[in-house]
Amino acid sequence: MSKSAIVLLTMTLLSLSLLWLVPELQTPIDLALKCTSGAFAIGFLAALMVGRRFKFDPVLR
């Protein structure tokens, strides 16, 4: 896993935990936390796809 994927996963988990631990937030803050956690999750999935490296062995044995 790349460093950017780890950072995005951490940010996603932090925003979701904040949303879960403080349920008495006002509606705009609640909506903002949901949007940011979704954006971080999409960024995490994109970082996983981009950071994936396939090793190619040109010498076939």
C-alpha atoms as a PDB file:
ATOM      1  CA  MET A   1       0.000   0.000   0.000  1.00  0.00           C
ATOM      2  CA  SER A   2       1.353   3.395  -0.911  1.00  0.00           C
ATOM      3  CA  LYS A   3       1.882   6.209   1.560  1.00  0.00           C
ATOM      4  CA  SER A   4      -0.918   8.273   0.068  1.00  0.00           C
ATOM      5  CA  ALA A   5      -3.330   5.343   0.421  1.00  0.00           C
ATOM      6  CA  ILE A   6      -2.384   4.961   4.079  1.00  0.00           C
ATOM      7  CA  VAL A   7      -2.901   8.682   4.712  1.00  0.00           C
ATOM      8  CA  LEU A   8      -6.273   8.678   2.961  1.00  0.00           C
ATOM      9  CA  LEU A   9      -7.388   5.575   4.847  1.00  0.00           C
ATOM     10  CA  THR A  10      -6.394   7.215   8.127  1.00  0.00           C
ATOM     11  CA  MET A  11      -8.257  10.408   7.255  1.00  0.00           C
ATOM     12  CA  THR A  12     -11.340   8.390   6.268  1.00  0.00           C
ATOM     13  CA  LEU A  13     -11.316   6.479   9.537  1.00  0.00           C
ATOM     14  CA  LEU A  14     -10.788   9.656  11.560  1.00  0.00           C
ATOM     15  CA  SER A  15     -13.684  11.483   9.932  1.00  0.00           C
ATOM     16  CA  LEU A  16     -15.988   8.469  10.299  1.00  0.00           C
ATOM     17  CA  SER A  17     -15.009   7.995  13.931  1.00  0.00           C
ATOM     18  CA  LEU A  18     -15.652  11.671  14.636  1.00  0.00           C
ATOM     19  CA  LEU A  19     -19.040  11.341  12.969  1.00  0.00           C
ATOM     20  CA  TRP A  20     -19.805   8.224  15.016  1.00  0.00           C
ATOM     21  CA  LEU A  21     -18.495   9.469  18.363  1.00  0.00           C
ATOM     22  CA  VAL A  22     -20.239  12.844  18.298  1.00  0.00           C
ATOM     23  CA  PRO A  23     -23.788  12.082  17.108  1.00  0.00           C
ATOM     24  CA  GLU A  24     -25.260  15.346  18.406  1.00  0.00           C
ATOM     25  CA  LEU A  25     -23.722  17.516  15.701  1.00  0.00           C
ATOM     26  CA  GLN A  26     -25.714  20.069  13.816  1.00  0.00           C
ATOM     27  CA  THR A  27     -26.913  19.182  10.347  1.00  0.00           C
ATOM     28  CA  PRO A  28     -24.374  21.225   8.290  1.00  0.00           C
ATOM     29  CA  ILE A  29     -21.429  19.808  10.238  1.00  0.00           C
ATOM     30  CA  ASP A  30     -22.866  16.310   9.994  1.00  0.00           C
ATOM     31  CA  LEU A  31     -23.284  16.669   6.229  1.00  0.00           C
ATOM     32  CA  ALA A  32     -19.764  18.069   5.855  1.00  0.00           C
ATOM     33  CA  LEU A  33     -18.275  15.114   7.758  1.00  0.00           C
ATOM     34  CA  LYS A  34     -20.198  12.658   5.597  1.00  0.00           C
ATOM     35  CA  CYS A  35     -19.023  14.374   2.410  1.00  0.00           C
ATOM     36  CA  THR A  36     -15.387  14.530   3.502  1.00  0.00           C
ATOM     37  CA  SER A  37     -15.354  10.897   4.595  1.00  0.00           C
ATOM     38  CA  GLY A  38     -16.827   9.919   1.230  1.00  0.00           C
ATOM     39  CA  ALA A  39     -14.254  11.990  -0.628  1.00  0.00           C
ATOM     40  CA  PHE A  40     -11.411  10.485   1.404  1.00  0.00           C
ATOM     41  CA  ALA A  41     -12.763   6.973   0.765  1.00  0.00           C
ATOM     42  CA  ILE A  42     -12.920   7.588  -2.992  1.00  0.00           C
ATOM     43  CA  GLY A  43      -9.410   9.020  -2.872  1.00  0.00           C
ATOM     44  CA  PHE A  44      -8.261   5.942  -0.954  1.00  0.00           C
ATOM     45  CA  LEU A  45      -9.689   3.614  -3.588  1.00  0.00           C
ATOM     46  CA  ALA A  46      -8.099   5.664  -6.361  1.00  0.00           C
ATOM     47  CA  ALA A  47      -4.741   5.597  -4.569  1.00  0.00           C
ATOM     48  CA  LEU A  48      -4.999   1.837  -4.250  1.00  0.00           C
ATOM     49  CA  MET A  49      -5.669   1.481  -7.976  1.00  0.00           C
ATOM     50  CA  VAL A  50      -2.907   3.851  -9.037  1.00  0.00           C
ATOM     51  CA  GLY A  51      -0.380   2.564  -6.523  1.00  0.00           C
ATOM     52  CA  ARG A  52      -0.787  -1.014  -7.603  1.00  0.00           C
ATOM     53  CA  ARG A  53       2.311  -2.166  -9.419  1.00  0.00           C
ATOM     54  CA  PHE A  54       2.539  -5.278 -11.490  1.00  0.00           C
ATOM     55  CA  LYS A  55       5.924  -6.879 -11.670  1.00  0.00           C
ATOM     56  CA  PHE A  56       6.762  -8.005 -15.161  1.00  0.00           C
ATOM     57  CA  ASP A  57       9.503 -10.537 -15.709  1.00  0.00           C
ATOM     58  CA  PRO A  58      10.699 -10.181 -19.301  1.00  0.00           C
ATOM     59  CA  VAL A  59      12.721 -13.369 -19.045  1.00  0.00           C
ATOM     60  CA  LEU A  60      10.382 -16.308 -19.332  1.00  0.00           C
ATOM     61  CA  ARG A  61      11.934 -19.390 -17.815  1.00  0.00           C
END
